[in-house]
Amino acid sequence: MSDCYLHGKAYFGTSTKQLLDRISPLSIIIIDHEDIDIVAAEDMIRKKVRAVINRRVSFTGNRPRTGLLLLLKHGIPVYDLNTSRSFQWWSKSKSRKKICI
């Protein structure tokens, strides 16, 4: 994994709050969370999330972008995917997997 910008254990969850309850610090999380809100961002920071991969749009322009900005301010990269198909295989498994970005 030496060619990785970021690597670690990744966890997938359709509910951000429930996912954050079961991960360990420095995890990479894969979520379905449109317009990441400030409460979710604060929880991610408290859990020391290493990175966020979002299968939805983290900032649509419909709500304030304070959650996304807070994550970026704390050095937590957020990657939005163009389609949820990219991680369809993940939803079949609730266990953690190693990932390389």
C-alpha atoms as a PDB file:
ATOM      1  CA  MET A   1       0.000   0.000   0.000  1.00  0.00           C
ATOM      2  CA  SER A   2       2.972   2.297  -0.398  1.00  0.00           C
ATOM      3  CA  ASP A   3       1.418   3.879  -3.528  1.00  0.00           C
ATOM      4  CA  CYS A   4      -1.584   5.052  -1.527  1.00  0.00           C
ATOM      5  CA  TYR A   5      -2.261   8.628  -0.573  1.00  0.00           C
ATOM      6  CA  LEU A   6      -4.458   7.310   2.202  1.00  0.00           C
ATOM      7  CA  HIS A   7      -5.051   3.785   3.451  1.00  0.00           C
ATOM      8  CA  GLY A   8      -6.720   2.082   6.343  1.00  0.00           C
ATOM      9  CA  LYS A   9      -9.763   0.186   7.470  1.00  0.00           C
ATOM     10  CA  ALA A  10     -12.961   1.360   5.851  1.00  0.00           C
ATOM     11  CA  TYR A  11     -16.521   0.901   7.052  1.00  0.00           C
ATOM     12  CA  PHE A  12     -19.744   1.337   5.101  1.00  0.00           C
ATOM     13  CA  GLY A  13     -23.089   2.428   6.497  1.00  0.00           C
ATOM     14  CA  THR A  14     -26.293   3.914   5.149  1.00  0.00           C
ATOM     15  CA  SER A  15     -26.895   5.696   8.458  1.00  0.00           C
ATOM     16  CA  THR A  16     -23.988   7.983   9.341  1.00  0.00           C
ATOM     17  CA  LYS A  17     -24.947   8.144  13.010  1.00  0.00           C
ATOM     18  CA  GLN A  18     -25.161   4.353  13.401  1.00  0.00           C
ATOM     19  CA  LEU A  19     -21.936   3.882  11.471  1.00  0.00           C
ATOM     20  CA  LEU A  20     -20.050   6.293  13.717  1.00  0.00           C
ATOM     21  CA  ASP A  21     -21.226   4.333  16.771  1.00  0.00           C
ATOM     22  CA  ARG A  22     -19.417   1.195  15.584  1.00  0.00           C
ATOM     23  CA  ILE A  23     -16.130   2.373  14.061  1.00  0.00           C
ATOM     24  CA  SER A  24     -12.709   2.713  15.595  1.00  0.00           C
ATOM     25  CA  PRO A  25     -10.640   5.925  15.432  1.00  0.00           C
ATOM     26  CA  LEU A  26      -8.737   6.641  12.206  1.00  0.00           C
ATOM     27  CA  SER A  27     -11.241   4.712  10.106  1.00  0.00           C
ATOM     28  CA  ILE A  28     -12.228   5.630   6.581  1.00  0.00           C
ATOM     29  CA  ILE A  29     -16.003   5.806   6.305  1.00  0.00           C
ATOM     30  CA  ILE A  30     -18.194   5.244   3.274  1.00  0.00           C
ATOM     31  CA  ILE A  31     -21.554   6.931   3.695  1.00  0.00           C
ATOM     32  CA  ASP A  32     -24.788   7.919   1.921  1.00  0.00           C
ATOM     33  CA  HIS A  33     -25.188  11.433   3.314  1.00  0.00           C
ATOM     34  CA  GLU A  34     -26.387  14.265   1.104  1.00  0.00           C
ATOM     35  CA  ASP A  35     -25.444  17.726   2.412  1.00  0.00           C
ATOM     36  CA  ILE A  36     -23.244  16.723   5.350  1.00  0.00           C
ATOM     37  CA  ASP A  37     -24.550  18.720   8.294  1.00  0.00           C
ATOM     38  CA  ILE A  38     -22.618  20.254  11.178  1.00  0.00           C
ATOM     39  CA  VAL A  39     -23.792  17.645  13.718  1.00  0.00           C
ATOM     40  CA  ALA A  40     -22.594  14.750  11.554  1.00  0.00           C
ATOM     41  CA  ALA A  41     -19.289  16.542  10.879  1.00  0.00           C
ATOM     42  CA  GLU A  42     -18.700  17.159  14.589  1.00  0.00           C
ATOM     43  CA  ASP A  43     -19.380  13.478  15.308  1.00  0.00           C
ATOM     44  CA  MET A  44     -16.918  12.454  12.593  1.00  0.00           C
ATOM     45  CA  ILE A  45     -14.266  14.737  14.089  1.00  0.00           C
ATOM     46  CA  ARG A  46     -14.894  13.332  17.582  1.00  0.00           C
ATOM     47  CA  LYS A  47     -14.449   9.803  16.238  1.00  0.00           C
ATOM     48  CA  LYS A  48     -11.212  10.885  14.522  1.00  0.00           C
ATOM     49  CA  VAL A  49     -12.351   9.744  11.088  1.00  0.00           C
ATOM     50  CA  ARG A  50      -9.412   9.586   8.668  1.00  0.00           C
ATOM     51  CA  ALA A  51     -11.430  10.241   5.478  1.00  0.00           C
ATOM     52  CA  VAL A  52     -14.987  10.290   4.156  1.00  0.00           C
ATOM     53  CA  ILE A  53     -16.127   8.676   0.916  1.00  0.00           C
ATOM     54  CA  ASN A  54     -19.644   9.853   0.203  1.00  0.00           C
ATOM     55  CA  ARG A  55     -21.890   8.031  -2.259  1.00  0.00           C
ATOM     56  CA  ARG A  56     -24.009  11.181  -2.410  1.00  0.00           C
ATOM     57  CA  VAL A  57     -23.230  14.863  -2.890  1.00  0.00           C
ATOM     58  CA  SER A  58     -21.718  16.343   0.264  1.00  0.00           C
ATOM     59  CA  PHE A  59     -22.789  19.856  -0.714  1.00  0.00           C
ATOM     60  CA  THR A  60     -25.736  20.371  -3.077  1.00  0.00           C
ATOM     61  CA  GLY A  61     -26.200  24.078  -2.400  1.00  0.00           C
ATOM     62  CA  ASN A  62     -29.619  23.484  -0.848  1.00  0.00           C
ATOM     63  CA  ARG A  63     -28.356  23.778   2.742  1.00  0.00           C
ATOM     64  CA  PRO A  64     -25.458  25.504   4.483  1.00  0.00           C
ATOM     65  CA  ARG A  65     -22.102  23.847   3.805  1.00  0.00           C
ATOM     66  CA  THR A  66     -20.844  24.232   7.369  1.00  0.00           C
ATOM     67  CA  GLY A  67     -20.465  20.471   7.943  1.00  0.00           C
ATOM     68  CA  LEU A  68     -18.319  19.963   4.871  1.00  0.00           C
ATOM     69  CA  LEU A  69     -16.201  23.027   5.625  1.00  0.00           C
ATOM     70  CA  LEU A  70     -15.633  21.886   9.212  1.00  0.00           C
ATOM     71  CA  LEU A  71     -14.360  18.487   8.036  1.00  0.00           C
ATOM     72  CA  LEU A  72     -11.983  20.118   5.564  1.00  0.00           C
ATOM     73  CA  LYS A  73     -10.808  22.602   8.214  1.00  0.00           C
ATOM     74  CA  HIS A  74      -9.871  19.634  10.428  1.00  0.00           C
ATOM     75  CA  GLY A  75      -7.922  18.023   7.587  1.00  0.00           C
ATOM     76  CA  ILE A  76     -10.441  15.270   6.898  1.00  0.00           C
ATOM     77  CA  PRO A  77     -10.661  14.718   3.139  1.00  0.00           C
ATOM     78  CA  VAL A  78     -14.120  14.177   1.671  1.00  0.00           C
ATOM     79  CA  TYR A  79     -14.535  12.343  -1.635  1.00  0.00           C
ATOM     80  CA  ASP A  80     -17.872  12.417  -3.440  1.00  0.00           C
ATOM     81  CA  LEU A  81     -18.619   9.651  -5.921  1.00  0.00           C
ATOM     82  CA  ASN A  82     -20.551  10.332  -9.099  1.00  0.00           C
ATOM     83  CA  THR A  83     -22.574   7.162  -8.654  1.00  0.00           C
ATOM     84  CA  SER A  84     -23.420   4.724  -5.905  1.00  0.00           C
ATOM     85  CA  ARG A  85     -22.585   1.886  -8.314  1.00  0.00           C
ATOM     86  CA  SER A  86     -18.912   2.391  -7.511  1.00  0.00           C
ATOM     87  CA  PHE A  87     -19.415   0.804  -4.109  1.00  0.00           C
ATOM     88  CA  GLN A  88     -22.420  -1.487  -4.699  1.00  0.00           C
ATOM     89  CA  TRP A  89     -20.300  -4.509  -3.797  1.00  0.00           C
ATOM     90  CA  TRP A  90     -19.616  -2.960  -0.407  1.00  0.00           C
ATOM     91  CA  SER A  91     -23.238  -2.783   0.695  1.00  0.00           C
ATOM     92  CA  LYS A  92     -23.424  -6.585   0.653  1.00  0.00           C
ATOM     93  CA  SER A  93     -20.845  -6.754   3.432  1.00  0.00           C
ATOM     94  CA  LYS A  94     -21.108  -4.916   6.734  1.00  0.00           C
ATOM     95  CA  SER A  95     -17.613  -5.941   7.769  1.00  0.00           C
ATOM     96  CA  ARG A  96     -14.632  -3.691   7.464  1.00  0.00           C
ATOM     97  CA  LYS A  97     -12.290  -3.839   4.521  1.00  0.00           C
ATOM     98  CA  LYS A  98      -8.874  -2.397   3.858  1.00  0.00           C
ATOM     99  CA  ILE A  99      -8.884   0.382   1.327  1.00  0.00           C
ATOM    100  CA  CYS A 100      -6.274   2.370  -0.593  1.00  0.00           C
ATOM    101  CA  ILE A 101      -7.022   5.800  -2.038  1.00  0.00           C
END
